[in-house]
């Protein structure tokens, strides 16, 4: 590409970024969107880096480099960002509900508007994978392979069920102290691991564990986490507690599930992953001012706005992109970093080279299915949220017009 061509592309990018900036409400807290985008991309990259589909003849099985190289556990600390997503989700939902109440919007209408945006894109994923699973079984593909593929493709849906449940409970959780669900997690683990209680008891933590960052988000809305001291307490306290649990209480160092591991920190959530989430939330709160400053740059803000407007599509289809690349690659044989066991640094290096291919496959999925998300908003979700990059009043309504929180903001929140 010539210098003139590069210059033209840069001008187009800049003009597009300027249009997105012009469509952004002036009082918007862009740090919230930056944190949400980072959380979504962290989950995507984490799955792409630690999930392997190993080809054994005609079958595919899941594996993880963390099985063979447990010293890579810090990778899971970097990319396991669900706590930040629940933190932001709790903050935005409590502000949204307060705004709806102030405008006289009934709870049922508010909840329907929010959940329709969550679940309309799910219909496309379920439909495609139902058809794909039937076609694979009819073509003679082994049941174990089909089960592995479907399980990976639909694994993001567990998160949506939990998130939807917490969203529905927002009026009850808006004033709940995060220490209460944290105490539930502590006692569940104490009974489960310390007193030999039943393993199924751990599933109580699916709700209680993610309720901790969600209610922290509500505390953020109430203005209780504005001081940097709160962020430091969460960061240092959470990190110290997690280190102690891993070092002296037998919790795994990995913050994601590892095939073959006796205890998973994530399925179901343990006290270690919850305290780790507290540290993540503290770090996120401490980064708010820097993120607000960084988001003043038009191109950076346009990129963050784009991720937020298509967050559900990216989240729901990133595993499909991984598997589509893996299946297509089998036509060329057993490729390193794609179908081989993740048992060494060589695999890690080659897997990094596959990331641009995964991005391309995800872009194809995005182009095919983004309309389900663009048309997902309705009613109360539309006011003051024109950030599609296509002008006000069009496109997705995924990103809300939230403002920096202050004390009493839950009562004063309103749409711009």
Protein backbone atom coordinates (compact mmCIF):
# COMPACT_ATOMS: atom_id res chain seq x y z
CA UNK A 1 0.00 0.00 0.00
CA UNK A 2 1.37 3.44 -0.96
CA UNK A 3 1.84 6.32 1.45
CA UNK A 4 -1.15 8.03 -0.15
CA UNK A 5 -3.27 4.92 0.42
CA UNK A 6 -2.15 4.64 4.05
CA UNK A 7 -2.94 8.30 4.58
CA UNK A 8 -6.42 7.89 3.10
CA UNK A 9 -7.14 4.92 5.38
CA UNK A 10 -5.98 6.90 8.40
CA UNK A 11 -8.24 9.80 7.47
CA UNK A 12 -11.23 7.49 7.08
CA UNK A 13 -10.54 5.87 10.45
CA UNK A 14 -10.19 9.30 12.04
CA UNK A 15 -13.44 10.56 10.49
CA UNK A 16 -15.27 7.44 11.63
CA UNK A 17 -13.86 7.85 15.15
CA UNK A 18 -14.94 11.49 15.18
CA UNK A 19 -18.50 10.45 14.23
CA UNK A 20 -18.61 7.97 17.10
CA UNK A 21 -17.33 10.67 19.46
CA UNK A 22 -19.96 13.11 18.24
CA UNK A 23 -22.69 10.52 18.91
CA UNK A 24 -21.49 9.96 22.47
CA UNK A 25 -23.38 11.77 25.26
CA UNK A 26 -21.03 14.39 26.78
CA UNK A 27 -21.43 13.16 30.35
CA UNK A 28 -20.83 9.49 29.56
CA UNK A 29 -18.46 7.56 31.84
CA UNK A 30 -16.31 5.98 29.14
CA UNK A 31 -14.25 4.09 31.72
CA UNK A 32 -17.23 1.79 32.28
CA UNK A 33 -17.26 0.84 28.61
CA UNK A 34 -13.49 0.37 28.57
CA UNK A 35 -13.70 -2.02 31.53
CA UNK A 36 -16.51 -3.98 29.87
CA UNK A 37 -14.57 -4.25 26.60
CA UNK A 38 -11.44 -5.41 28.44
CA UNK A 39 -13.46 -8.04 30.32
CA UNK A 40 -15.01 -9.45 27.13
CA UNK A 41 -11.73 -9.51 25.22
CA UNK A 42 -9.99 -11.09 28.21
CA UNK A 43 -12.42 -14.00 28.19
CA UNK A 44 -12.06 -14.46 24.43
CA UNK A 45 -8.26 -14.42 24.43
CA UNK A 46 -8.15 -16.63 27.49
CA UNK A 47 -10.26 -19.31 25.80
CA UNK A 48 -8.24 -19.13 22.62
CA UNK A 49 -4.96 -19.51 24.50
CA UNK A 50 -5.82 -22.25 27.01
CA UNK A 51 -8.35 -24.34 25.06
CA UNK A 52 -6.95 -26.97 22.72
CA UNK A 53 -8.83 -29.45 20.54
CA UNK A 54 -6.47 -32.38 20.09
CA UNK A 55 -6.99 -34.70 17.14
CA UNK A 56 -6.71 -38.41 17.99
CA UNK A 57 -7.56 -40.18 14.78
CA UNK A 58 -11.24 -39.48 14.08
CA UNK A 59 -11.97 -37.88 17.44
CA UNK A 60 -11.36 -34.48 18.97
CA UNK A 61 -10.82 -34.06 22.69
CA UNK A 62 -10.26 -30.99 24.83
CA UNK A 63 -6.93 -30.29 26.45
CA UNK A 64 -5.16 -27.34 28.02
CA UNK A 65 -1.54 -26.19 28.16
CA UNK A 66 -2.13 -25.70 31.90
CA UNK A 67 -2.30 -29.50 32.21
CA UNK A 68 1.26 -29.92 30.98
CA UNK A 69 2.72 -26.57 32.07
CA UNK A 70 1.08 -25.62 35.38
CA UNK A 71 3.64 -22.84 35.81
CA UNK A 72 1.65 -20.98 33.13
CA UNK A 73 -1.13 -20.41 35.69
CA UNK A 74 -0.46 -16.61 35.65
CA UNK A 75 -1.94 -16.61 32.14
CA UNK A 76 -5.28 -17.48 33.72
CA UNK A 77 -4.86 -14.59 36.17
CA UNK A 78 -4.58 -12.18 33.26
CA UNK A 79 -7.44 -13.44 31.10
CA UNK A 80 -10.01 -14.67 33.63
CA UNK A 81 -11.87 -11.35 33.73
CA UNK A 82 -15.44 -12.41 34.54
CA UNK A 83 -15.42 -10.59 37.89
CA UNK A 84 -14.84 -7.29 36.10
CA UNK A 85 -17.74 -8.01 33.79
CA UNK A 86 -20.06 -8.69 36.73
CA UNK A 87 -18.77 -5.55 38.47
CA UNK A 88 -19.64 -3.42 35.46
CA UNK A 89 -22.90 -5.32 34.96
CA UNK A 90 -24.01 -4.63 38.51
CA UNK A 91 -23.07 -0.96 38.23
CA UNK A 92 -24.90 -0.42 34.94
CA UNK A 93 -27.98 -2.45 35.91
CA UNK A 94 -28.51 -0.64 39.21
CA UNK A 95 -28.18 2.75 37.51
CA UNK A 96 -30.50 1.62 34.73
CA UNK A 97 -33.12 0.39 37.18
CA UNK A 98 -32.93 3.63 39.19
CA UNK A 99 -33.36 5.59 35.97
CA UNK A 100 -36.33 3.46 34.92
CA UNK A 101 -38.03 3.97 38.27
CA UNK A 102 -37.46 7.72 38.08
CA UNK A 103 -39.12 7.78 34.65
CA UNK A 104 -42.03 5.61 35.80
CA UNK A 105 -41.02 2.56 33.74
CA UNK A 106 -42.47 -0.63 35.32
CA UNK A 107 -40.02 -3.28 36.51
CA UNK A 108 -41.40 -5.85 34.07
CA UNK A 109 -40.85 -3.57 31.09
CA UNK A 110 -37.34 -2.67 32.27
CA UNK A 111 -36.39 -6.33 32.77
CA UNK A 112 -37.85 -7.44 29.44
CA UNK A 113 -35.88 -4.77 27.61
CA UNK A 114 -32.61 -5.80 29.24
CA UNK A 115 -33.05 -9.56 28.89
CA UNK A 116 -34.23 -9.38 25.28
CA UNK A 117 -30.87 -7.88 24.39
CA UNK A 118 -29.14 -10.75 26.16
CA UNK A 119 -31.11 -13.65 24.75
CA UNK A 120 -32.05 -12.73 21.18
CA UNK A 121 -28.47 -13.43 19.96
CA UNK A 122 -28.57 -16.77 21.81
CA UNK A 123 -31.30 -18.06 19.48
CA UNK A 124 -28.92 -17.92 16.52
CA UNK A 125 -26.21 -19.86 18.39
CA UNK A 126 -28.62 -22.55 19.56
CA UNK A 127 -30.16 -22.94 16.11
CA UNK A 128 -26.85 -23.24 14.29
CA UNK A 129 -25.37 -25.74 16.72
CA UNK A 130 -28.53 -27.84 16.85
CA UNK A 131 -28.39 -28.19 13.07
CA UNK A 132 -24.62 -28.75 13.12
CA UNK A 133 -24.83 -31.43 15.82
CA UNK A 134 -27.55 -33.36 13.96
CA UNK A 135 -25.64 -33.10 10.68
CA UNK A 136 -22.40 -34.30 12.29
CA UNK A 137 -24.09 -37.29 13.93
CA UNK A 138 -25.86 -38.25 10.69
CA UNK A 139 -22.55 -38.03 8.81
CA UNK A 140 -20.99 -40.61 11.12
CA UNK A 141 -18.97 -38.30 13.37
CA UNK A 142 -18.26 -39.96 16.71
CA UNK A 143 -20.59 -38.95 19.52
CA UNK A 144 -17.66 -37.98 21.77
CA UNK A 145 -16.41 -35.47 19.21
CA UNK A 146 -19.87 -33.95 18.70
CA UNK A 147 -20.35 -33.71 22.46
CA UNK A 148 -16.98 -31.94 22.84
CA UNK A 149 -17.77 -29.43 20.12
CA UNK A 150 -21.29 -28.65 21.34
CA UNK A 151 -20.14 -28.35 24.95
CA UNK A 152 -17.44 -25.85 24.01
CA UNK A 153 -19.71 -23.88 21.69
CA UNK A 154 -22.46 -23.52 24.27
CA UNK A 155 -20.22 -23.07 27.32
CA UNK A 156 -20.64 -19.25 27.26
CA UNK A 157 -24.36 -19.70 27.89
CA UNK A 158 -23.92 -20.61 31.57
CA UNK A 159 -22.66 -17.08 32.12
CA UNK A 160 -25.77 -15.57 30.54
CA UNK A 161 -28.09 -17.60 32.77
CA UNK A 162 -26.31 -16.39 35.91
CA UNK A 163 -26.11 -12.82 34.64
CA UNK A 164 -29.80 -12.84 33.73
CA UNK A 165 -30.72 -14.11 37.20
CA UNK A 166 -28.70 -11.38 38.90
CA UNK A 167 -30.18 -8.78 36.56
CA UNK A 168 -33.68 -9.91 37.46
CA UNK A 169 -32.77 -9.61 41.15
CA UNK A 170 -31.30 -6.11 40.76
CA UNK A 171 -34.00 -4.37 42.86
CA UNK A 172 -33.14 -6.73 45.74
CA UNK A 173 -29.37 -6.61 45.24
CA UNK A 174 -29.11 -2.84 44.83
CA UNK A 175 -28.58 -2.36 48.58
CA UNK A 176 -27.03 -5.72 49.50
CA UNK A 177 -23.63 -5.55 51.16
CA UNK A 178 -21.13 -7.70 49.18
CA UNK A 179 -19.97 -9.25 52.45
CA UNK A 180 -23.18 -11.31 52.64
CA UNK A 181 -22.66 -13.36 49.45
CA UNK A 182 -18.94 -13.54 50.27
CA UNK A 183 -19.87 -15.12 53.61
CA UNK A 184 -22.03 -17.67 51.78
CA UNK A 185 -19.10 -18.65 49.54
CA UNK A 186 -16.81 -18.95 52.57
CA UNK A 187 -19.20 -21.24 54.45
CA UNK A 188 -19.97 -23.37 51.40
CA UNK A 189 -16.26 -24.02 50.87
CA UNK A 190 -15.74 -24.63 54.57
CA UNK A 191 -18.43 -27.31 54.58
CA UNK A 192 -17.44 -28.73 51.21
CA UNK A 193 -13.67 -28.93 51.67
CA UNK A 194 -13.11 -28.62 55.40
CA UNK A 195 -15.94 -30.82 56.72
CA UNK A 196 -16.26 -33.27 53.82
CA UNK A 197 -19.66 -32.00 52.69
CA UNK A 198 -21.29 -33.06 49.41
CA UNK A 199 -19.72 -31.83 46.17
CA UNK A 200 -23.05 -30.56 44.83
CA UNK A 201 -23.07 -27.92 47.55
CA UNK A 202 -20.43 -26.05 45.56
CA UNK A 203 -23.02 -25.10 42.95
CA UNK A 204 -24.56 -22.70 45.46
CA UNK A 205 -21.50 -20.57 44.72
CA UNK A 206 -22.55 -20.14 41.09
CA UNK A 207 -25.03 -17.54 42.31
CA UNK A 208 -23.30 -16.40 45.49
CA UNK A 209 -19.82 -16.17 43.96
CA UNK A 210 -20.76 -13.90 41.06
CA UNK A 211 -23.13 -11.96 43.29
CA UNK A 212 -20.05 -10.59 45.08
CA UNK A 213 -18.72 -8.47 42.17
CA UNK A 214 -22.27 -7.71 41.03
CA UNK A 215 -23.15 -6.17 44.41
CA UNK A 216 -19.80 -4.37 44.37
CA UNK A 217 -21.04 -2.77 41.16
CA UNK A 218 -24.17 -1.67 43.03
CA UNK A 219 -21.96 -0.19 45.77
CA UNK A 220 -20.09 1.68 43.04
CA UNK A 221 -23.41 3.12 41.87
CA UNK A 222 -24.20 4.24 45.42
CA UNK A 223 -20.93 6.15 45.49
CA UNK A 224 -19.33 3.95 48.14
CA UNK A 225 -16.27 3.02 46.06
CA UNK A 226 -15.24 6.43 44.74
CA UNK A 227 -12.23 6.83 47.00
CA UNK A 228 -9.02 5.20 45.82
CA UNK A 229 -8.69 3.68 49.26
CA UNK A 230 -11.58 1.31 48.44
CA UNK A 231 -9.81 0.12 45.30
CA UNK A 232 -6.57 -0.49 47.17
CA UNK A 233 -8.33 -2.42 49.95
CA UNK A 234 -9.99 -4.69 47.41
CA UNK A 235 -6.81 -5.15 45.36
CA UNK A 236 -4.41 -5.84 48.23
CA UNK A 237 -6.87 -7.73 50.41
CA UNK A 238 -8.14 -9.89 47.57
CA UNK A 239 -4.65 -10.68 46.30
CA UNK A 240 -3.39 -11.57 49.78
CA UNK A 241 -6.39 -13.78 50.48
CA UNK A 242 -6.01 -15.57 47.14
CA UNK A 243 -2.29 -16.15 47.68
CA UNK A 244 -2.99 -17.57 51.13
CA UNK A 245 -5.73 -19.89 49.85
CA UNK A 246 -3.50 -21.22 47.06
CA UNK A 247 -0.39 -21.55 49.22
CA UNK A 248 -1.89 -23.03 52.38
CA UNK A 249 -5.41 -24.26 51.70
CA UNK A 250 -4.89 -26.43 48.64
CA UNK A 251 -6.78 -24.35 46.09
CA UNK A 252 -5.47 -24.61 42.50
CA UNK A 253 -3.30 -21.76 41.24
CA UNK A 254 -5.19 -21.67 37.94
CA UNK A 255 -8.28 -19.46 37.94
CA UNK A 256 -9.86 -21.41 35.07
CA UNK A 257 -10.89 -25.02 34.77
CA UNK A 258 -8.15 -27.46 33.76
CA UNK A 259 -9.14 -30.87 32.29
CA UNK A 260 -8.23 -33.68 34.68
CA UNK A 261 -7.77 -31.38 37.66
CA UNK A 262 -9.42 -32.60 40.84
CA UNK A 263 -10.71 -29.19 41.91
CA UNK A 264 -11.73 -26.41 39.55
CA UNK A 265 -11.73 -22.84 40.80
CA UNK A 266 -14.34 -21.89 38.22
CA UNK A 267 -16.78 -24.82 37.83
CA UNK A 268 -18.25 -24.15 40.36
CA UNK A 269 -16.64 -20.96 41.71
CA UNK A 270 -14.53 -21.37 44.83
CA UNK A 271 -13.55 -18.90 47.52
CA UNK A 272 -10.18 -18.50 45.77
CA UNK A 273 -11.68 -17.31 42.48
CA UNK A 274 -14.02 -14.96 44.37
CA UNK A 275 -11.18 -13.36 46.35
CA UNK A 276 -9.20 -13.16 43.13
CA UNK A 277 -12.20 -11.37 41.63
CA UNK A 278 -12.13 -8.89 44.50
CA UNK A 279 -8.53 -8.08 43.60
CA UNK A 280 -9.50 -7.65 39.95
CA UNK A 281 -12.38 -5.36 40.87
CA UNK A 282 -10.05 -3.28 43.03
CA UNK A 283 -7.62 -2.93 40.15
CA UNK A 284 -10.45 -1.98 37.80
CA UNK A 285 -11.65 0.74 40.18
CA UNK A 286 -8.13 2.13 40.50
CA UNK A 287 -7.82 2.35 36.71
CA UNK A 288 -10.97 4.42 36.19
CA UNK A 289 -9.34 7.83 35.97
CA UNK A 290 -6.60 6.63 33.63
CA UNK A 291 -9.19 4.98 31.42
CA UNK A 292 -11.30 8.13 31.31
CA UNK A 293 -8.24 10.05 30.18
CA UNK A 294 -7.30 7.40 27.57
CA UNK A 295 -10.85 7.33 26.20
CA UNK A 296 -10.56 10.99 25.22
CA UNK A 297 -8.59 9.78 22.21
CA UNK A 298 -11.12 9.40 19.37
CA UNK A 299 -9.70 6.20 17.86
CA UNK A 300 -9.34 4.47 21.23
CA UNK A 301 -12.88 5.38 22.18
CA UNK A 302 -14.27 4.26 18.81
CA UNK A 303 -12.60 0.86 19.26
CA UNK A 304 -14.05 0.47 22.77
CA UNK A 305 -17.50 1.57 21.58
CA UNK A 306 -17.37 -0.98 18.75
CA UNK A 307 -16.53 -3.82 21.13
CA UNK A 308 -19.37 -2.80 23.45
CA UNK A 309 -21.88 -2.58 20.62
CA UNK A 310 -21.04 -6.15 19.52
CA UNK A 311 -20.02 -7.62 22.89
CA UNK A 312 -22.70 -10.32 22.87
CA UNK A 313 -21.86 -11.44 19.33
CA UNK A 314 -18.14 -11.63 20.13
CA UNK A 315 -18.78 -13.45 23.39
CA UNK A 316 -21.23 -16.00 22.00
CA UNK A 317 -19.36 -16.83 18.80
CA UNK A 318 -15.69 -16.81 19.78
CA UNK A 319 -15.69 -20.52 20.63
CA UNK A 320 -17.39 -21.29 17.32
CA UNK A 321 -14.65 -19.35 15.55
CA UNK A 322 -12.03 -21.49 17.32
CA UNK A 323 -13.77 -24.73 16.36
CA UNK A 324 -14.44 -23.66 12.77
CA UNK A 325 -10.74 -22.95 12.34
CA UNK A 326 -9.84 -26.28 13.92
CA UNK A 327 -12.27 -28.25 11.75
CA UNK A 328 -11.20 -26.49 8.57
CA UNK A 329 -7.55 -27.03 9.42
CA UNK A 330 -8.10 -30.80 9.59
CA UNK A 331 -8.48 -30.76 5.81
CA UNK A 332 -4.77 -29.95 5.63
CA UNK A 333 -3.78 -32.60 8.17
CA UNK A 334 -2.80 -32.49 11.82
CA UNK A 335 -1.51 -28.94 12.27
CA UNK A 336 0.78 -27.86 15.14
CA UNK A 337 -0.77 -25.49 17.64
CA UNK A 338 -4.23 -26.44 16.40
CA UNK A 339 -4.60 -30.23 16.62
CA UNK A 340 -1.48 -31.28 18.56
CA UNK A 341 -1.20 -31.79 22.34
CA UNK A 342 -0.39 -28.52 24.19
CA UNK A 343 2.59 -30.02 25.96
CA UNK A 344 5.37 -27.48 25.46
CA UNK A 345 6.34 -23.90 24.77
CA UNK A 346 6.53 -24.71 21.08
CA UNK A 347 2.79 -25.26 21.09
CA UNK A 348 2.26 -21.92 22.84
CA UNK A 349 4.38 -20.11 20.25
CA UNK A 350 2.51 -21.65 17.34
CA UNK A 351 -0.87 -21.02 19.01
CA UNK A 352 -0.04 -17.32 19.16
CA UNK A 353 0.44 -17.40 15.39
CA UNK A 354 -3.08 -18.83 15.01
CA UNK A 355 -4.70 -15.93 16.83
CA UNK A 356 -5.09 -13.75 13.68
CA UNK A 357 -6.85 -16.69 11.99
CA UNK A 358 -9.23 -16.98 14.95
CA UNK A 359 -9.90 -13.25 14.68
CA UNK A 360 -10.72 -13.65 10.98
CA UNK A 361 -13.10 -16.53 11.70
CA UNK A 362 -14.76 -14.48 14.45
CA UNK A 363 -15.14 -11.58 12.04
CA UNK A 364 -17.02 -13.89 9.65
CA UNK A 365 -19.32 -14.93 12.50
CA UNK A 366 -19.76 -11.28 13.48
CA UNK A 367 -20.69 -10.28 9.94
CA UNK A 368 -23.20 -13.13 9.70
CA UNK A 369 -24.90 -12.80 13.08
CA UNK A 370 -24.43 -9.25 14.38
CA UNK A 371 -27.95 -8.32 13.23
CA UNK A 372 -29.36 -10.43 16.07
CA UNK A 373 -27.59 -8.12 18.52
CA UNK A 374 -28.21 -4.90 16.58
CA UNK A 375 -31.94 -5.58 16.70
CA UNK A 376 -31.85 -6.91 20.25
CA UNK A 377 -32.62 -3.69 22.11
CA UNK A 378 -36.12 -2.47 22.65
CA UNK A 379 -38.26 -0.01 24.48
CA UNK A 380 -36.55 1.35 27.54
CA UNK A 381 -33.10 0.39 26.26
CA UNK A 382 -33.13 2.89 23.43
CA UNK A 383 -33.29 6.30 25.02
CA UNK A 384 -30.08 8.25 24.77
CA UNK A 385 -27.88 5.38 23.56
CA UNK A 386 -27.06 6.21 19.94
CA UNK A 387 -23.50 4.88 19.69
CA UNK A 388 -23.69 2.74 16.61
CA UNK A 389 -21.29 4.86 14.61
CA UNK A 390 -24.06 5.20 12.05
CA UNK A 391 -25.79 8.21 13.54
CA UNK A 392 -28.29 8.72 16.29
CA UNK A 393 -31.37 6.59 16.40
CA UNK A 394 -29.90 3.66 14.44
CA UNK A 395 -27.95 0.53 15.22
CA UNK A 396 -27.35 -1.30 18.45
CA UNK A 397 -28.47 -0.01 21.81
CA UNK A 398 -26.10 -2.20 23.80
CA UNK A 399 -24.15 0.60 25.47
CA UNK A 400 -26.01 2.67 28.00
CA UNK A 401 -25.61 6.39 28.68
CA UNK A 402 -24.11 6.06 32.14
CA UNK A 403 -22.36 8.90 33.95
CA UNK A 404 -19.57 8.89 36.53
CA UNK A 405 -21.13 7.83 39.80
CA UNK A 406 -21.45 10.00 42.85
CA UNK A 407 -23.11 9.55 46.22
CA UNK A 408 -26.84 9.26 45.77
CA UNK A 409 -26.54 8.67 42.01
CA UNK A 410 -28.94 5.76 42.16
CA UNK A 411 -31.72 8.21 42.90
CA UNK A 412 -30.60 10.84 40.43
CA UNK A 413 -29.60 8.68 37.45
CA UNK A 414 -31.24 9.64 34.20
CA UNK A 415 -30.73 9.19 30.45
CA UNK A 416 -28.95 11.89 28.52
